[in-house]
Protein backbone atom coordinates (compact mmCIF):
# COMPACT_ATOMS: atom_id res chain seq x y z
CA MET A 1 -8.09 35.74 42.18
CA TYR A 2 -7.08 36.09 38.55
CA LEU A 3 -3.41 37.08 38.49
CA ILE A 4 -2.65 38.33 34.99
CA ARG A 5 0.49 39.39 33.19
CA HIS A 6 0.20 42.42 30.92
CA GLY A 7 -0.06 41.88 27.16
CA GLU A 8 2.75 42.03 24.62
CA VAL A 9 4.75 45.25 24.77
CA ALA A 10 5.73 47.55 21.91
CA ASN A 11 9.44 46.63 22.14
CA ALA A 12 8.92 42.85 22.21
CA SER A 13 10.63 42.13 18.88
CA GLU A 14 13.56 40.77 20.91
CA PRO A 15 13.90 39.99 24.65
CA VAL A 16 14.02 43.21 26.69
CA PHE A 17 14.44 43.88 30.41
CA ASN A 18 11.89 46.68 30.78
CA GLY A 19 11.64 46.82 34.56
CA HIS A 20 10.40 50.32 35.42
CA HIS A 21 10.94 51.45 31.82
CA ASP A 22 7.41 52.58 30.88
CA VAL A 23 6.57 51.00 27.55
CA GLU A 24 3.20 50.83 25.80
CA LEU A 25 1.37 47.67 24.79
CA SER A 26 1.71 46.63 21.17
CA PRO A 27 -1.46 46.30 19.02
CA ARG A 28 -1.18 42.55 19.63
CA GLY A 29 -0.85 43.18 23.37
CA LEU A 30 -4.06 45.23 23.35
CA LYS A 31 -5.84 42.37 21.56
CA GLN A 32 -4.47 39.87 24.07
CA ILE A 33 -5.68 41.77 27.11
CA SER A 34 -9.04 42.44 25.45
CA LYS A 35 -9.33 38.70 24.96
CA VAL A 36 -8.67 38.18 28.68
CA ALA A 37 -11.42 40.73 29.43
CA ASP A 38 -13.76 38.72 27.18
CA LEU A 39 -12.84 35.48 28.95
CA LEU A 40 -13.59 37.09 32.32
CA SER A 41 -16.93 38.52 31.15
CA ALA A 42 -18.73 35.44 32.49
CA THR A 43 -17.26 36.16 35.94
CA THR A 44 -18.34 39.02 38.20
CA LEU A 45 -15.26 40.75 39.54
CA ASN A 46 -15.48 42.82 42.71
CA ALA A 47 -12.25 44.70 42.04
CA VAL A 48 -9.48 45.04 39.47
CA TYR A 49 -5.96 46.08 40.52
CA GLY A 50 -3.01 47.02 38.37
CA SER A 51 0.54 48.27 38.48
CA ASP A 52 1.00 51.95 37.62
CA LEU A 53 3.28 51.14 34.67
CA ILE A 54 1.33 51.78 31.47
CA ARG A 55 1.55 48.21 30.13
CA ALA A 56 -0.21 46.82 33.22
CA LYS A 57 -2.33 49.91 33.95
CA LYS A 58 -3.86 49.78 30.46
CA GLY A 59 -4.68 46.09 30.91
CA ALA A 60 -6.33 46.81 34.27
CA GLU A 61 -8.35 49.61 32.68
CA ILE A 62 -9.60 47.35 29.86
CA ILE A 63 -10.59 44.52 32.21
CA ALA A 64 -12.17 46.89 34.76
CA GLN A 65 -14.15 48.77 32.11
CA ALA A 66 -15.65 45.51 30.83
CA GLN A 67 -16.86 44.87 34.40
CA GLY A 68 -18.18 48.39 34.99
CA LEU A 69 -15.42 49.08 37.52
CA ALA A 70 -12.67 51.63 37.96
CA PRO A 71 -9.24 50.01 38.32
CA ILE A 72 -7.24 50.44 41.52
CA ILE A 73 -3.70 51.38 40.52
CA CYS A 74 -0.84 50.53 42.88
CA PRO A 75 2.83 51.48 42.38
CA GLU A 76 3.77 48.66 44.79
CA LEU A 77 2.83 46.19 42.01
CA ARG A 78 5.48 47.52 39.60
CA GLU A 79 7.90 45.13 37.95
CA VAL A 80 11.36 44.67 39.48
CA ASN A 81 13.48 47.78 38.96
CA MET A 82 16.22 46.91 36.46
CA GLY A 83 18.12 50.17 36.99
CA LEU A 84 20.48 50.96 34.12
CA TRP A 85 19.32 47.78 32.36
CA GLY A 86 15.76 49.13 32.04
CA GLY A 87 14.67 49.10 28.40
CA MET A 88 17.80 47.28 27.22
CA THR A 89 17.72 44.09 25.19
CA VAL A 90 19.40 40.94 26.45
CA ARG A 91 21.93 41.29 23.63
CA GLU A 92 22.76 44.87 24.63
CA ILE A 93 23.21 43.90 28.28
CA GLU A 94 25.49 40.98 27.40
CA GLU A 95 27.60 43.30 25.22
CA LYS A 96 27.79 46.19 27.70
CA TYR A 97 27.97 44.14 30.92
CA PRO A 98 29.73 40.90 30.00
CA GLY A 99 29.19 38.10 32.51
CA GLU A 100 26.55 40.01 34.49
CA MET A 101 23.57 38.17 32.97
CA GLU A 102 25.08 34.83 33.97
CA GLN A 103 25.74 36.11 37.47
CA ARG A 104 22.13 37.23 37.77
CA ARG A 105 20.85 33.82 36.64
CA HIS A 106 22.72 32.13 39.49
CA THR A 107 21.99 34.70 42.22
CA LEU A 108 18.55 36.01 41.24
CA GLU A 109 17.44 36.75 44.78
CA SER A 110 20.47 38.95 45.57
CA TYR A 111 21.71 40.29 42.22
CA ARG A 112 21.17 44.00 41.73
CA PRO A 113 21.69 45.74 38.36
CA GLU A 114 23.25 49.16 38.90
CA GLY A 115 20.50 51.48 40.16
CA GLY A 116 17.98 48.64 40.37
CA GLU A 117 16.63 46.23 42.98
CA THR A 118 17.10 42.58 43.85
CA PHE A 119 14.34 39.98 43.66
CA LEU A 120 14.44 39.84 47.47
CA GLU A 121 13.68 43.57 47.56
CA LEU A 122 10.92 43.02 44.99
CA GLN A 123 9.45 40.33 47.21
CA LYS A 124 9.55 42.61 50.27
CA ARG A 125 7.84 45.36 48.25
CA ILE A 126 4.97 43.41 46.72
CA LEU A 127 4.02 40.70 49.23
CA PRO A 128 2.69 43.08 51.93
CA LYS A 129 0.52 44.81 49.30
CA PHE A 130 -0.65 41.47 47.90
CA GLU A 131 -1.56 40.23 51.38
CA ALA A 132 -3.42 43.47 52.13
CA ILE A 133 -5.42 43.13 48.90
CA VAL A 134 -6.30 39.52 49.72
CA LYS A 135 -7.40 40.49 53.25
CA GLN A 136 -9.46 43.44 52.02
CA HIS A 137 -11.33 41.30 49.47
CA ALA A 138 -11.91 38.14 51.50
CA GLY A 139 -14.76 36.16 49.93
CA GLU A 140 -14.68 38.26 46.75
CA THR A 141 -13.42 37.68 43.23
CA LEU A 142 -10.79 40.00 41.85
CA ALA A 143 -8.14 40.44 39.19
CA ILE A 144 -4.62 41.83 39.39
CA VAL A 145 -2.81 42.89 36.22
CA ALA A 146 0.90 42.95 36.91
CA HIS A 147 4.23 41.76 35.49
CA GLY A 148 6.20 38.58 34.95
CA GLY A 149 8.52 39.12 37.91
CA VAL A 150 5.72 40.21 40.24
CA ASN A 151 3.53 37.23 39.32
CA ARG A 152 6.41 34.78 39.75
CA VAL A 153 7.18 36.09 43.23
CA ILE A 154 3.52 35.80 44.28
CA LEU A 155 3.12 32.30 42.81
CA GLY A 156 6.47 31.22 44.23
CA GLN A 157 5.46 32.37 47.70
CA ILE A 158 2.24 30.36 47.59
CA LEU A 159 4.01 27.29 46.19
CA ASP A 160 6.97 27.56 48.60
CA TYR A 161 9.46 27.95 45.75
CA PRO A 162 12.93 29.24 46.66
CA LEU A 163 13.15 32.81 45.40
CA ASN A 164 16.08 31.98 43.10
CA GLN A 165 13.90 29.36 41.33
CA VAL A 166 10.84 31.48 40.48
CA LYS A 167 12.05 32.11 36.93
CA LYS A 168 11.03 28.50 36.27
CA LEU A 169 7.41 29.64 36.55
CA GLU A 170 6.70 30.70 32.96
CA GLN A 171 4.65 33.86 32.45
CA ASP A 172 3.77 34.58 28.83
CA PHE A 173 2.29 37.88 27.72
CA ALA A 174 -1.35 38.04 28.93
CA ALA A 175 -0.89 34.85 30.98
CA VAL A 176 -3.77 34.09 33.34
CA ASN A 177 -3.08 32.47 36.73
CA ILE A 178 -5.90 31.44 39.05
CA ILE A 179 -5.48 31.43 42.82
CA GLN A 180 -8.24 30.11 45.08
CA PHE A 181 -8.45 31.06 48.76
CA ARG A 182 -10.17 28.69 51.18
CA GLY A 183 -10.04 28.88 54.96
CA GLY A 184 -7.15 31.29 54.87
CA GLN A 185 -5.10 29.01 52.60
CA ALA A 186 -4.15 29.81 49.02
CA ALA A 187 -4.09 27.16 46.28
CA VAL A 188 -2.87 27.74 42.72
CA GLU A 189 -5.36 26.28 40.26
CA LEU A 190 -3.80 27.51 36.99
CA ILE A 191 -0.38 28.82 36.00
CA ASN A 192 0.39 30.61 32.72
CA GLY A 193 -3.02 29.94 31.20
CA PRO A 194 -3.30 31.23 27.63
CA CYS A 195 -5.51 34.22 26.84
CA GLY A 196 -6.96 32.22 23.94
CA PRO A 197 -6.64 32.55 20.15
CA LEU A 198 -6.67 36.05 18.74
CA PRO A 199 -9.09 37.02 15.94
């Protein structure tokens, strides 16, 4: 399985908590995900999945089209819901909700922005879908285009990371992670692999 983070987003000029805020890919983000599609062209994919948020959906469409496939879009693969923080920059959050960012850093698994969800709730939402996808495509090669938080939870589960430590698993824009499944066991072969140099 190729577990991919979406490309750079249009509001990436400073750190933003997008969550369910539906933001487009930037021109650079489109180039990044096209580069990933090129890198995967030597591999035959049996299926391509994506979140229904446009930044991941577009990436899934680009990768699937290069393989002659139609992407399978799943709302369960959405990024963590940041509630009222959705679309806000880190600076704006620190100004409007002083001390809350620090609290979230120390209690990631249980902290809930107003109107949002915790990382534990994110885990409970995505892992059943991830496991169903893996079971459905046993023996096949597939790609999932999702989000930083989603990818960290999946990788953390395989690596037995405590949920409050998954932020230590870096996920750059258009990062490629490779997961190999053998005898019912998952092994992570690559984390945060670069998409490669852009033209």
